[in-house]
Amino acid sequence: MTVVFECIYDDERHFGLGVPEAGAPLRLYPLAGDTLAALLTTAAGDGADTAALLTRGRAAVDVPAADRHRARPLLPAHVGDALVSGFMMTHNVKVGAEVPDQPNWFVKGLGDVLKVPGEALSVPGDAVAVCEEAEVVLVHVGDERGTPRYAGYTFGNDVTDIGRFKQHAGHLSYAKLCDAGVAPWLHLGEPPRTVTGEVTVERGGAPAWKGPFTTGVDALHYDLPTMMSRLFSYEALHRPGRVHYVYIGADRSSFHAGFRTGDGDRVTIDVTSHGVRLSHPLVWTRRPGQD
């Protein structure tokens, strides 16, 4: 399976192939004014070998790992052209006897709420109880008519104020207004059927909680193609070039195990089935008027 990623190197956007080893040099290719989203759309339309099409005519440059900044997958130049959203209560382990035919959908924000590994994930200062949610993230790009087209998937952490939602189910929209972790690697294949891994929450540099998770298409109660087609049937979501990051739901979290995260905790999601690791500190923001 082809995996692509973007980096900012020498103040210019570049891309690479594969998931590089931690600390290893990167082989990058300059985009030279192109966008990776447009190149991937061309490759899909031509049925061409993606890696060959992307690198054709581009001179590779080998870059030390410390000399680049990883970008969010396919994030457009203007963060307002990216919408981060998701579905809740999608997994079999969370669904009860009576369920709607389409899960609830929510908005987390625009492209600036996405944070790559190492960056802090902020939550409101008055959050009630915050948890991590290890998830598959589907990435879609609006075509020339604005219709969202599937580009690939990555992995993320849909940080949620689950305590606020538990207090009042109608406050889901507020509970989701937290930053979201996202891996920089975009997998170009179909959404994965099974994803497994482990979450670790560190406090004061030591593990405070650990737990496994299982996600992916097979873990969903709903049919994923139906979920996405119904969501994108709304023309309000159609805009040429808009990039959609859709979090498709999570397994049980540390909250369900009785653990409560706190300001300064570090959450690490190790997606062992796919060799991807995300690690972020949690930061509680100050309430308005607070010194």
Protein backbone atom coordinates (compact mmCIF):
# COMPACT_ATOMS: atom_id res chain seq x y z
CA MET A 1 0.00 0.00 0.00
CA THR A 2 1.26 3.48 -0.88
CA VAL A 3 1.68 5.95 1.99
CA VAL A 4 2.42 9.62 1.31
CA PHE A 5 3.24 12.54 3.56
CA GLU A 6 3.99 16.25 3.22
CA CYS A 7 6.76 18.30 4.80
CA ILE A 8 7.84 21.89 4.85
CA TYR A 9 11.52 21.98 3.96
CA ASP A 10 13.52 25.09 3.06
CA ASP A 11 10.23 27.04 3.30
CA GLU A 12 8.72 24.98 0.48
CA ARG A 13 6.19 22.13 0.45
CA HIS A 14 7.62 18.70 -0.32
CA PHE A 15 6.24 15.18 -0.15
CA GLY A 16 7.67 11.76 0.62
CA LEU A 17 6.63 8.12 0.34
CA GLY A 18 6.27 5.54 3.08
CA VAL A 19 6.41 5.84 6.87
CA PRO A 20 10.02 6.72 7.71
CA GLU A 21 11.73 5.36 10.79
CA ALA A 22 11.97 7.72 13.74
CA GLY A 23 14.99 10.00 13.40
CA ALA A 24 15.94 8.63 9.98
CA PRO A 25 16.69 10.96 7.03
CA LEU A 26 13.82 11.61 4.65
CA ARG A 27 13.78 11.40 0.87
CA LEU A 28 11.60 14.28 -0.27
CA TYR A 29 10.29 15.55 -3.61
CA PRO A 30 9.43 19.22 -4.24
CA LEU A 31 5.81 19.96 -5.06
CA ALA A 32 6.96 23.03 -7.03
CA GLY A 33 3.61 24.80 -6.91
CA ASP A 34 1.47 21.67 -7.30
CA THR A 35 -0.73 20.34 -4.53
CA LEU A 36 -0.57 16.75 -3.39
CA ALA A 37 -4.38 16.59 -3.40
CA ALA A 38 -4.50 17.51 -7.11
CA LEU A 39 -1.75 15.04 -7.98
CA LEU A 40 -3.55 12.22 -6.18
CA THR A 41 -6.78 13.06 -8.00
CA THR A 42 -4.94 12.83 -11.33
CA ALA A 43 -3.38 9.51 -10.38
CA ALA A 44 -6.75 8.05 -9.41
CA GLY A 45 -8.35 9.26 -12.64
CA ASP A 46 -5.60 7.82 -14.83
CA GLY A 47 -5.38 4.52 -12.98
CA ALA A 48 -1.63 5.10 -12.97
CA ASP A 49 0.90 3.78 -10.50
CA THR A 50 0.63 6.45 -7.83
CA ALA A 51 4.23 6.50 -6.66
CA ALA A 52 5.57 6.66 -10.22
CA LEU A 53 3.20 9.46 -11.22
CA LEU A 54 3.93 11.53 -8.12
CA THR A 55 7.71 11.37 -8.46
CA ARG A 56 7.98 11.63 -12.25
CA GLY A 57 10.22 14.55 -13.25
CA ARG A 58 10.93 15.57 -9.66
CA ALA A 59 14.47 15.59 -8.29
CA ALA A 60 14.69 13.87 -4.91
CA VAL A 61 16.49 15.48 -1.99
CA ASP A 62 17.64 13.64 1.14
CA VAL A 63 16.96 15.68 4.27
CA PRO A 64 17.99 15.09 7.90
CA ALA A 65 14.95 14.37 10.05
CA ALA A 66 15.48 17.50 12.15
CA ASP A 67 15.40 19.84 9.13
CA ARG A 68 11.75 19.46 8.19
CA HIS A 69 8.30 20.10 9.62
CA ARG A 70 5.64 17.48 8.96
CA ALA A 71 2.35 18.80 7.62
CA ARG A 72 -1.19 17.60 8.11
CA PRO A 73 -2.19 15.25 5.26
CA LEU A 74 -3.42 17.30 2.26
CA LEU A 75 -4.06 20.38 4.44
CA PRO A 76 -4.80 23.27 2.04
CA ALA A 77 -2.90 26.56 2.18
CA HIS A 78 -5.86 28.25 3.89
CA VAL A 79 -7.00 26.34 6.97
CA GLY A 80 -10.53 27.67 6.39
CA ASP A 81 -10.71 25.38 3.34
CA ALA A 82 -10.48 22.32 5.61
CA LEU A 83 -13.32 20.98 7.74
CA VAL A 84 -12.69 18.57 10.63
CA SER A 85 -15.72 16.53 11.69
CA GLY A 86 -16.78 13.08 12.79
CA PHE A 87 -19.37 10.55 13.85
CA MET A 88 -20.14 9.38 17.37
CA MET A 89 -21.46 6.10 18.79
CA THR A 90 -20.53 4.16 15.66
CA HIS A 91 -18.88 1.07 17.17
CA ASN A 92 -20.61 -2.17 18.05
CA VAL A 93 -19.32 -1.94 21.64
CA LYS A 94 -21.20 1.35 22.13
CA VAL A 95 -24.44 0.79 20.24
CA GLY A 96 -27.57 -0.24 22.12
CA ALA A 97 -30.68 -2.09 21.01
CA GLU A 98 -32.40 0.95 19.51
CA VAL A 99 -30.18 2.99 17.22
CA PRO A 100 -30.81 5.49 14.42
CA ASP A 101 -30.07 4.48 10.84
CA GLN A 102 -27.32 7.13 10.69
CA PRO A 103 -25.04 8.05 13.61
CA ASN A 104 -24.80 11.59 14.95
CA TRP A 105 -22.34 13.83 13.13
CA PHE A 106 -20.41 16.71 14.69
CA VAL A 107 -17.96 19.45 13.70
CA LYS A 108 -14.67 19.90 15.55
CA GLY A 109 -13.50 22.96 13.66
CA LEU A 110 -11.40 24.06 10.70
CA GLY A 111 -7.97 22.88 9.67
CA ASP A 112 -6.13 24.61 12.50
CA VAL A 113 -7.58 22.21 15.10
CA LEU A 114 -5.48 19.40 13.61
CA LYS A 115 -2.22 18.80 15.47
CA VAL A 116 0.59 16.50 14.35
CA PRO A 117 2.48 14.34 16.86
CA GLY A 118 4.42 16.35 19.41
CA GLU A 119 2.08 19.34 19.31
CA ALA A 120 -0.19 20.09 22.25
CA LEU A 121 -3.90 19.29 22.14
CA SER A 122 -5.89 22.06 23.83
CA VAL A 123 -9.23 21.62 25.57
CA PRO A 124 -11.51 24.25 27.14
CA GLY A 125 -10.52 25.37 30.62
CA ASP A 126 -13.93 24.44 32.01
CA ALA A 127 -13.94 20.94 30.54
CA VAL A 128 -15.76 18.42 32.74
CA ALA A 129 -13.96 15.15 31.89
CA VAL A 130 -11.67 14.77 28.89
CA CYS A 131 -10.80 11.53 27.12
CA GLU A 132 -8.79 10.39 24.14
CA GLU A 133 -10.42 8.61 21.19
CA ALA A 134 -8.18 6.57 18.92
CA GLU A 135 -9.76 6.65 15.47
CA VAL A 136 -9.45 6.11 11.75
CA VAL A 137 -9.69 9.43 9.88
CA LEU A 138 -11.02 9.49 6.32
CA VAL A 139 -9.74 12.27 4.05
CA HIS A 140 -11.88 13.57 1.18
CA VAL A 141 -11.16 16.37 -1.30
CA GLY A 142 -13.80 18.38 -3.18
CA ASP A 143 -13.52 17.88 -6.94
CA GLU A 144 -14.03 20.61 -9.56
CA ARG A 145 -17.77 20.50 -8.87
CA GLY A 146 -17.27 20.46 -5.11
CA THR A 147 -18.25 16.81 -4.59
CA PRO A 148 -16.05 15.25 -1.86
CA ARG A 149 -13.93 12.43 -3.27
CA TYR A 150 -12.15 9.88 -1.09
CA ALA A 151 -8.35 10.33 -1.07
CA GLY A 152 -7.20 7.98 1.68
CA TYR A 153 -7.09 7.50 5.42
CA THR A 154 -4.91 8.26 8.39
CA PHE A 155 -5.19 7.90 12.17
CA GLY A 156 -6.07 10.42 14.84
CA ASN A 157 -7.06 11.30 18.40
CA ASP A 158 -10.52 12.86 18.65
CA VAL A 159 -10.09 14.51 22.07
CA THR A 160 -13.53 14.92 23.66
CA ASP A 161 -15.03 16.47 26.78
CA ILE A 162 -17.06 13.35 27.40
CA GLY A 163 -18.08 14.61 30.83
CA ARG A 164 -19.97 17.50 29.27
CA PHE A 165 -21.77 15.12 26.93
CA LYS A 166 -22.64 12.80 29.82
CA GLN A 167 -24.13 15.75 31.72
CA HIS A 168 -26.28 16.77 28.76
CA ALA A 169 -26.53 14.67 25.58
CA GLY A 170 -27.59 17.78 23.67
CA HIS A 171 -24.17 19.31 24.33
CA LEU A 172 -22.29 16.94 22.03
CA SER A 173 -21.38 19.89 19.79
CA TYR A 174 -19.63 21.64 22.70
CA ALA A 175 -17.98 18.45 23.93
CA LYS A 176 -16.26 18.02 20.57
CA LEU A 177 -14.74 21.52 20.36
CA CYS A 178 -11.28 20.33 21.36
CA ASP A 179 -8.14 19.94 19.25
CA ALA A 180 -7.65 16.72 17.29
CA GLY A 181 -4.45 14.76 16.88
CA VAL A 182 -3.68 13.50 13.37
CA ALA A 183 -0.88 11.38 11.93
CA PRO A 184 0.96 12.96 8.98
CA TRP A 185 0.87 9.75 6.94
CA LEU A 186 -1.89 9.37 4.34
CA HIS A 187 -2.64 5.74 3.37
CA LEU A 188 -4.02 5.62 -0.16
CA GLY A 189 -5.93 2.35 0.08
CA GLU A 190 -9.46 1.59 1.19
CA PRO A 191 -10.33 2.21 4.86
CA PRO A 192 -8.81 -0.55 7.02
CA ARG A 193 -11.06 -3.36 8.18
CA THR A 194 -9.22 -3.97 11.45
CA VAL A 195 -7.01 -1.61 13.44
CA THR A 196 -5.54 -2.53 16.81
CA GLY A 197 -3.25 -0.80 19.25
CA GLU A 198 -2.70 0.57 22.73
CA VAL A 199 -3.22 3.92 24.43
CA THR A 200 -0.85 5.13 27.15
CA VAL A 201 -1.50 8.16 29.34
CA GLU A 202 1.62 9.49 31.09
CA ARG A 203 1.54 11.78 34.10
CA GLY A 204 4.72 13.30 35.43
CA GLY A 205 6.74 11.23 32.98
CA ALA A 206 5.37 7.88 34.18
CA PRO A 207 2.55 5.73 32.78
CA ALA A 208 -0.70 6.40 34.64
CA TRP A 209 -3.06 4.34 32.47
CA LYS A 210 -2.83 1.87 29.59
CA GLY A 211 -5.48 0.17 27.55
CA PRO A 212 -5.95 -1.60 24.20
CA PHE A 213 -8.29 -0.49 21.42
CA THR A 214 -9.84 -2.02 18.31
CA THR A 215 -11.31 0.02 15.49
CA GLY A 216 -11.68 -0.12 11.70
CA VAL A 217 -14.55 -0.94 9.38
CA ASP A 218 -15.29 -4.34 10.96
CA ALA A 219 -15.78 -2.72 14.39
CA LEU A 220 -18.53 -0.40 13.12
CA HIS A 221 -22.22 -1.05 13.70
CA TYR A 222 -23.03 1.00 10.58
CA ASP A 223 -22.16 0.52 6.93
CA LEU A 224 -19.33 2.96 6.27
CA PRO A 225 -20.10 3.70 2.57
CA THR A 226 -23.69 4.50 3.53
CA MET A 227 -22.55 6.76 6.38
CA MET A 228 -20.29 8.75 4.08
CA SER A 229 -22.66 8.95 1.10
CA ARG A 230 -25.45 10.26 3.31
CA LEU A 231 -23.17 12.82 4.91
CA PHE A 232 -21.84 14.12 1.61
CA SER A 233 -25.29 14.21 0.02
CA TYR A 234 -25.66 17.63 1.68
CA GLU A 235 -24.57 20.35 -0.73
CA ALA A 236 -23.61 22.59 2.18
CA LEU A 237 -20.46 20.43 2.39
CA HIS A 238 -19.66 20.78 -1.33
CA ARG A 239 -16.90 23.17 -2.32
CA PRO A 240 -14.10 22.68 -4.89
CA GLY A 241 -10.80 22.00 -3.17
CA ARG A 242 -12.23 21.74 0.34
CA VAL A 243 -10.53 18.98 2.34
CA HIS A 244 -12.67 16.99 4.78
CA TYR A 245 -11.16 15.08 7.70
CA VAL A 246 -13.84 12.74 9.05
CA TYR A 247 -13.21 10.83 12.29
CA ILE A 248 -15.32 7.66 12.13
CA GLY A 249 -15.63 6.82 15.83
CA ALA A 250 -13.75 5.07 18.61
CA ASP A 251 -13.61 2.02 20.83
CA ARG A 252 -13.82 2.44 24.60
CA SER A 253 -11.46 5.03 26.10
CA SER A 254 -9.65 5.69 29.39
CA PHE A 255 -12.82 7.40 30.64
CA HIS A 256 -14.79 4.17 30.32
CA ALA A 257 -12.11 2.46 32.42
CA GLY A 258 -12.65 5.01 35.20
CA PHE A 259 -9.54 7.10 34.50
CA ARG A 260 -9.58 10.90 34.31
CA THR A 261 -7.00 12.76 32.24
CA GLY A 262 -5.56 16.04 33.49
CA ASP A 263 -3.71 19.15 32.36
CA GLY A 264 -0.18 18.23 31.27
CA ASP A 265 -0.86 14.52 30.72
CA ARG A 266 0.69 13.02 27.59
CA VAL A 267 -1.49 10.73 25.50
CA THR A 268 0.23 8.27 23.18
CA ILE A 269 -1.73 6.22 20.67
CA ASP A 270 0.30 3.33 19.31
CA VAL A 271 -1.45 1.93 16.23
CA THR A 272 0.54 -1.30 16.33
CA SER A 273 -1.32 -2.92 13.44
CA HIS A 274 -0.16 -0.17 11.08
CA GLY A 275 3.14 0.97 12.59
CA VAL A 276 1.89 4.47 13.39
CA ARG A 277 2.38 6.33 16.68
CA LEU A 278 0.85 9.62 17.84
CA SER A 279 1.91 11.35 21.05
CA HIS A 280 0.53 14.66 22.32
CA PRO A 281 0.42 16.56 25.62
CA LEU A 282 -3.00 17.75 26.79
CA VAL A 283 -3.32 21.43 27.72
CA TRP A 284 -6.31 23.03 29.44
CA THR A 285 -6.84 26.56 28.10
CA ARG A 286 -7.78 29.44 30.38
CA ARG A 287 -11.39 30.51 30.65
CA PRO A 288 -12.23 34.06 29.48
CA GLY A 289 -11.38 36.57 32.21
CA GLN A 290 -9.11 34.10 34.02
CA ASP A 291 -5.66 35.44 34.92
